[in-house]
Amino acid sequence: MAKRAFDLFFSIAGLLILSPVLLVVALAVRLSSPGPAIFRSRRVGRSGKQFSLLKFRTMTEDAQLKGPMITIGDDPRITRLGAFLRKSKIDELPQLLNVVKGEMSLVGPRPEVPEYVSLYTAEQRSVLDLVPGITDPASIKYAHESDLLAATERPEASYVHHVMPDKIRMNLDYAARASVWTDLLTVFETLARITRR
């Protein structure tokens, strides 16, 4: 109950305070390249229920037809504006709406696409007992995930067999000791890293 109140308070406050920024970014995305301002991605949430994760579009309109589900290094599908939105994490702000709707939390495991969830082991599927979030300790550790994967010979295989299992392990460990206080610290640490970048 306290976590839901925490999520609602900060997500609604964030939407109200940032509404001018959201409108400007949406217009900029719409004018900078063909396609909608908001990108909807099918993700798997709590109890395996799928939902549409919202992001500002950072890639070309047909990006899903031209490459893997993960982005690697200087992915040519990423638009010039999209590169800035990704680096600043501004592209994630529409997910505050997902939080208000109860599909996500401010802090929780990043939701995966159904294709990757289908590869989970029975033990890993326990992460689906948690409400997915906008940020988490694993997101902080893998802030440079795209560059990390670009340095491997088989990026998607490296993600599936090494990065993804480590993220799940970290999230399960975090969930075992999570509280409103640890969530607040995680949000502040995320904001601090974004500011430093």
Protein backbone atom coordinates (compact mmCIF):
# COMPACT_ATOMS: atom_id res chain seq x y z
CA MET A 1 0.00 0.00 0.00
CA ALA A 2 2.82 2.41 0.92
CA LYS A 3 4.66 1.60 -2.31
CA ARG A 4 1.56 2.31 -4.40
CA ALA A 5 1.00 5.62 -2.60
CA PHE A 6 4.68 6.46 -3.20
CA ASP A 7 4.33 5.64 -6.89
CA LEU A 8 1.13 7.63 -7.36
CA PHE A 9 2.37 10.70 -5.52
CA PHE A 10 5.66 11.03 -7.40
CA SER A 11 4.39 9.95 -10.83
CA ILE A 12 1.43 12.35 -10.78
CA ALA A 13 3.63 15.16 -9.44
CA GLY A 14 6.20 14.38 -12.12
CA LEU A 15 3.61 14.48 -14.90
CA LEU A 16 2.23 17.80 -13.69
CA ILE A 17 5.62 19.46 -13.24
CA LEU A 18 7.10 18.09 -16.46
CA SER A 19 4.02 18.52 -18.67
CA PRO A 20 5.54 21.47 -20.62
CA VAL A 21 8.69 19.42 -21.26
CA LEU A 22 6.65 16.40 -22.34
CA LEU A 23 4.68 18.49 -24.84
CA VAL A 24 7.83 20.06 -26.32
CA VAL A 25 9.58 16.69 -26.63
CA ALA A 26 6.53 15.08 -28.21
CA LEU A 27 6.36 17.87 -30.80
CA ALA A 28 10.10 17.67 -31.47
CA VAL A 29 9.95 13.90 -32.02
CA ARG A 30 6.96 14.26 -34.32
CA LEU A 31 8.65 16.95 -36.44
CA SER A 32 12.17 15.48 -36.51
CA SER A 33 11.35 12.22 -38.28
CA PRO A 34 8.36 10.38 -39.76
CA GLY A 35 6.27 8.49 -37.25
CA PRO A 36 4.36 9.00 -34.00
CA ALA A 37 5.80 10.79 -30.97
CA ILE A 38 5.04 7.86 -28.66
CA PHE A 39 6.33 4.35 -29.19
CA ARG A 40 4.33 1.50 -27.66
CA SER A 41 6.23 -1.69 -26.91
CA ARG A 42 4.60 -4.92 -25.78
CA ARG A 43 6.13 -5.95 -22.46
CA VAL A 44 5.41 -8.58 -19.85
CA GLY A 45 4.35 -7.29 -16.47
CA ARG A 46 3.34 -8.78 -13.16
CA SER A 47 1.91 -12.32 -13.29
CA GLY A 48 2.86 -12.52 -16.96
CA LYS A 49 0.24 -9.99 -18.03
CA GLN A 50 1.25 -8.06 -21.15
CA PHE A 51 0.89 -4.30 -21.46
CA SER A 52 2.01 -1.44 -23.70
CA LEU A 53 5.10 0.27 -22.32
CA LEU A 54 5.20 3.93 -23.39
CA LYS A 55 8.32 5.76 -24.56
CA PHE A 56 9.11 8.73 -26.72
CA ARG A 57 10.06 7.29 -30.12
CA THR A 58 13.84 7.32 -30.53
CA MET A 59 14.20 5.14 -33.62
CA THR A 60 12.98 5.16 -37.19
CA GLU A 61 9.35 4.19 -37.65
CA ASP A 62 10.18 0.77 -39.14
CA ALA A 63 13.03 -0.01 -36.72
CA GLN A 64 11.50 -3.29 -35.52
CA LEU A 65 11.68 -4.66 -39.06
CA LYS A 66 15.34 -3.75 -39.52
CA GLY A 67 17.16 -5.24 -36.59
CA PRO A 68 17.17 -7.08 -33.24
CA MET A 69 14.96 -6.27 -30.26
CA ILE A 70 17.92 -4.79 -28.39
CA THR A 71 19.93 -1.74 -29.42
CA ILE A 72 23.67 -2.09 -29.77
CA GLY A 73 26.19 0.74 -29.72
CA ASP A 74 25.57 3.38 -32.38
CA ASP A 75 22.54 1.60 -33.80
CA PRO A 76 21.78 3.22 -37.19
CA ARG A 77 18.05 2.93 -36.46
CA ILE A 78 18.33 5.55 -33.71
CA THR A 79 17.46 9.08 -34.85
CA ARG A 80 19.65 12.08 -34.02
CA LEU A 81 17.10 13.40 -31.52
CA GLY A 82 16.55 9.85 -30.28
CA ALA A 83 20.22 9.53 -29.32
CA PHE A 84 19.90 12.55 -27.04
CA LEU A 85 16.61 11.34 -25.55
CA ARG A 86 18.15 7.96 -24.78
CA LYS A 87 21.30 9.39 -23.22
CA SER A 88 19.30 11.77 -21.04
CA LYS A 89 16.63 9.11 -20.32
CA ILE A 90 13.95 11.63 -21.32
CA ASP A 91 12.51 8.94 -23.60
CA GLU A 92 11.41 7.02 -20.48
CA LEU A 93 9.24 9.82 -19.03
CA PRO A 94 5.95 8.67 -20.64
CA GLN A 95 6.21 5.57 -18.44
CA LEU A 96 4.98 7.75 -15.59
CA LEU A 97 1.57 7.13 -17.21
CA ASN A 98 2.19 3.38 -16.95
CA VAL A 99 2.86 3.92 -13.24
CA VAL A 100 -0.37 5.89 -12.74
CA LYS A 101 -2.29 3.09 -14.48
CA GLY A 102 -0.76 0.53 -12.12
CA GLU A 103 1.08 -1.37 -14.85
CA MET A 104 4.47 -0.29 -13.53
CA SER A 105 6.14 1.08 -10.43
CA LEU A 106 8.81 3.76 -10.16
CA VAL A 107 11.25 1.11 -8.93
CA GLY A 108 11.11 -2.48 -10.08
CA PRO A 109 12.62 -4.84 -12.64
CA ARG A 110 12.59 -3.45 -16.17
CA PRO A 111 9.85 -5.32 -18.08
CA GLU A 112 11.03 -7.58 -20.89
CA VAL A 113 9.54 -8.29 -24.30
CA PRO A 114 7.54 -11.56 -24.54
CA GLU A 115 10.20 -13.15 -26.74
CA TYR A 116 12.83 -12.93 -24.02
CA VAL A 117 10.45 -13.85 -21.20
CA SER A 118 9.71 -17.09 -23.05
CA LEU A 119 13.38 -18.01 -22.45
CA TYR A 120 13.16 -17.63 -18.65
CA THR A 121 13.88 -20.66 -16.51
CA ALA A 122 11.33 -21.69 -13.89
CA GLU A 123 13.42 -19.95 -11.23
CA GLN A 124 13.77 -16.77 -13.28
CA ARG A 125 10.01 -16.55 -13.82
CA SER A 126 9.64 -15.64 -10.16
CA VAL A 127 10.66 -12.11 -11.20
CA LEU A 128 7.19 -11.89 -12.76
CA ASP A 129 5.76 -11.85 -9.24
CA LEU A 130 7.09 -8.28 -9.01
CA VAL A 131 5.61 -5.11 -10.48
CA PRO A 132 7.99 -3.92 -13.22
CA GLY A 133 9.54 -0.49 -12.86
CA ILE A 134 11.08 2.49 -14.61
CA THR A 135 14.39 2.04 -12.80
CA ASP A 136 16.08 -0.51 -10.57
CA PRO A 137 19.58 -1.39 -9.33
CA ALA A 138 20.21 -3.48 -12.46
CA SER A 139 19.39 -0.50 -14.70
CA ILE A 140 21.96 1.55 -12.80
CA LYS A 141 24.62 -1.15 -13.13
CA TYR A 142 23.90 -1.60 -16.83
CA ALA A 143 23.50 2.09 -17.68
CA HIS A 144 25.91 1.54 -20.58
CA GLU A 145 24.42 -1.78 -21.65
CA SER A 146 24.29 -0.86 -25.35
CA ASP A 147 28.03 -0.12 -25.47
CA LEU A 148 28.79 -3.20 -23.40
CA LEU A 149 26.92 -5.46 -25.82
CA ALA A 150 28.50 -3.75 -28.84
CA ALA A 151 31.89 -4.93 -27.59
CA THR A 152 30.85 -8.61 -27.74
CA GLU A 153 30.93 -10.92 -30.75
CA ARG A 154 27.30 -12.00 -30.35
CA PRO A 155 25.43 -9.15 -28.65
CA GLU A 156 21.99 -10.73 -28.46
CA ALA A 157 23.39 -14.02 -27.16
CA SER A 158 25.44 -12.10 -24.59
CA TYR A 159 22.30 -10.31 -23.45
CA VAL A 160 20.20 -13.46 -23.16
CA HIS A 161 22.83 -15.65 -21.49
CA HIS A 162 24.72 -13.16 -19.32
CA VAL A 163 23.14 -9.71 -18.91
CA MET A 164 19.49 -10.76 -18.58
CA PRO A 165 20.13 -13.48 -15.94
CA ASP A 166 22.28 -11.07 -13.93
CA LYS A 167 19.53 -8.43 -14.03
CA ILE A 168 16.96 -10.94 -12.82
CA ARG A 169 19.24 -12.08 -9.99
CA MET A 170 19.83 -8.48 -8.90
CA ASN A 171 16.13 -7.69 -8.97
CA LEU A 172 15.17 -10.73 -6.91
CA ASP A 173 17.86 -9.85 -4.36
CA TYR A 174 16.62 -6.25 -4.23
CA ALA A 175 12.97 -7.28 -3.86
CA ALA A 176 13.83 -9.35 -0.79
CA ARG A 177 14.92 -6.21 1.09
CA ALA A 178 13.00 -3.46 -0.72
CA SER A 179 11.14 -0.68 1.09
CA VAL A 180 9.88 2.80 0.28
CA TRP A 181 13.20 4.10 1.62
CA THR A 182 15.33 1.87 -0.64
CA ASP A 183 13.08 2.79 -3.58
CA LEU A 184 13.64 6.48 -2.88
CA LEU A 185 17.40 5.96 -2.72
CA THR A 186 17.29 4.06 -6.03
CA VAL A 187 15.37 6.92 -7.69
CA PHE A 188 17.89 9.48 -6.38
CA GLU A 189 20.84 7.36 -7.51
CA THR A 190 19.29 7.04 -10.97
CA LEU A 191 18.77 10.80 -11.22
CA ALA A 192 22.32 11.44 -10.01
CA ARG A 193 23.80 9.17 -12.69
CA ILE A 194 21.69 10.80 -15.41
CA THR A 195 22.82 14.25 -14.24
CA ARG A 196 26.49 13.20 -14.27
CA ARG A 197 26.10 11.87 -17.79
